[in-house]
Protein backbone atom coordinates (compact mmCIF):
# COMPACT_ATOMS: atom_id res chain seq x y z
CA MET A 1 9.68 -50.76 113.45
CA GLU A 2 6.78 -51.79 111.22
CA GLU A 3 4.13 -54.04 112.68
CA ASP A 4 4.10 -57.61 111.37
CA ALA A 5 1.28 -58.22 108.83
CA VAL A 6 0.00 -61.09 110.99
CA THR A 7 -0.91 -58.69 113.80
CA ARG A 8 -2.60 -56.02 111.64
CA LEU A 9 -6.35 -55.65 111.48
CA PRO A 10 -7.80 -56.33 108.03
CA PHE A 11 -9.90 -53.51 106.54
CA ALA A 12 -11.26 -55.60 103.69
CA ILE A 13 -11.96 -59.31 103.15
CA ILE A 14 -12.27 -60.74 99.65
CA ASP A 15 -15.73 -62.37 99.53
CA GLU A 16 -16.20 -62.42 95.74
CA LEU A 17 -13.67 -62.98 92.98
CA THR A 18 -14.11 -63.36 89.24
CA ASP A 19 -12.01 -66.01 87.47
CA GLY A 20 -9.55 -64.34 85.11
CA SER A 21 -9.90 -60.89 86.73
CA PRO A 22 -6.72 -58.91 87.40
CA ALA A 23 -7.08 -59.63 91.11
CA ALA A 24 -7.41 -63.40 90.52
CA VAL A 25 -4.56 -63.43 88.02
CA ASP A 26 -2.34 -61.63 90.56
CA GLY A 27 -3.12 -64.28 93.19
CA LEU A 28 -5.89 -62.92 95.39
CA GLN A 29 -8.11 -65.68 96.74
CA LEU A 30 -11.50 -65.82 98.43
CA TRP A 31 -11.36 -64.82 102.10
CA ASP A 32 -7.97 -63.14 101.77
CA GLU A 33 -7.71 -60.29 104.26
CA ILE A 34 -6.37 -56.95 103.07
CA VAL A 35 -4.28 -55.10 105.68
CA LYS A 36 -2.58 -52.58 103.40
CA PHE A 37 -3.43 -51.09 100.00
CA GLY A 38 -0.94 -48.58 98.66
CA ASN A 39 -0.50 -46.04 101.46
CA VAL A 40 -3.69 -47.08 103.28
CA GLU A 41 -3.23 -49.30 106.36
CA ALA A 42 -5.78 -50.53 108.83
CA ASP A 43 -5.37 -49.18 112.36
CA ARG A 44 -7.40 -48.85 115.52
CA ALA A 45 -8.94 -45.48 114.42
CA LEU A 46 -10.06 -46.95 111.06
CA ALA A 47 -11.53 -50.00 112.82
CA GLU A 48 -13.42 -47.84 115.33
CA SER A 49 -14.74 -45.67 112.50
CA ALA A 50 -15.99 -48.69 110.62
CA ILE A 51 -17.74 -50.07 113.72
CA THR A 52 -19.39 -46.69 114.44
CA PHE A 53 -20.44 -46.26 110.79
CA ASN A 54 -22.04 -49.73 110.65
CA ILE A 55 -24.15 -49.34 113.77
């Protein structure tokens, strides 16, 4: 069973958005959290890699 989107870790947060851009036209808003993009999903391994990389 697929995990509910509410419980997934975001791997990207929209912190800048240009009016009229494809993302804005399609409904993305500032501070939206991306938990899946195509076949890419956030998971514990991705989160741990990001934390290690940013240290």
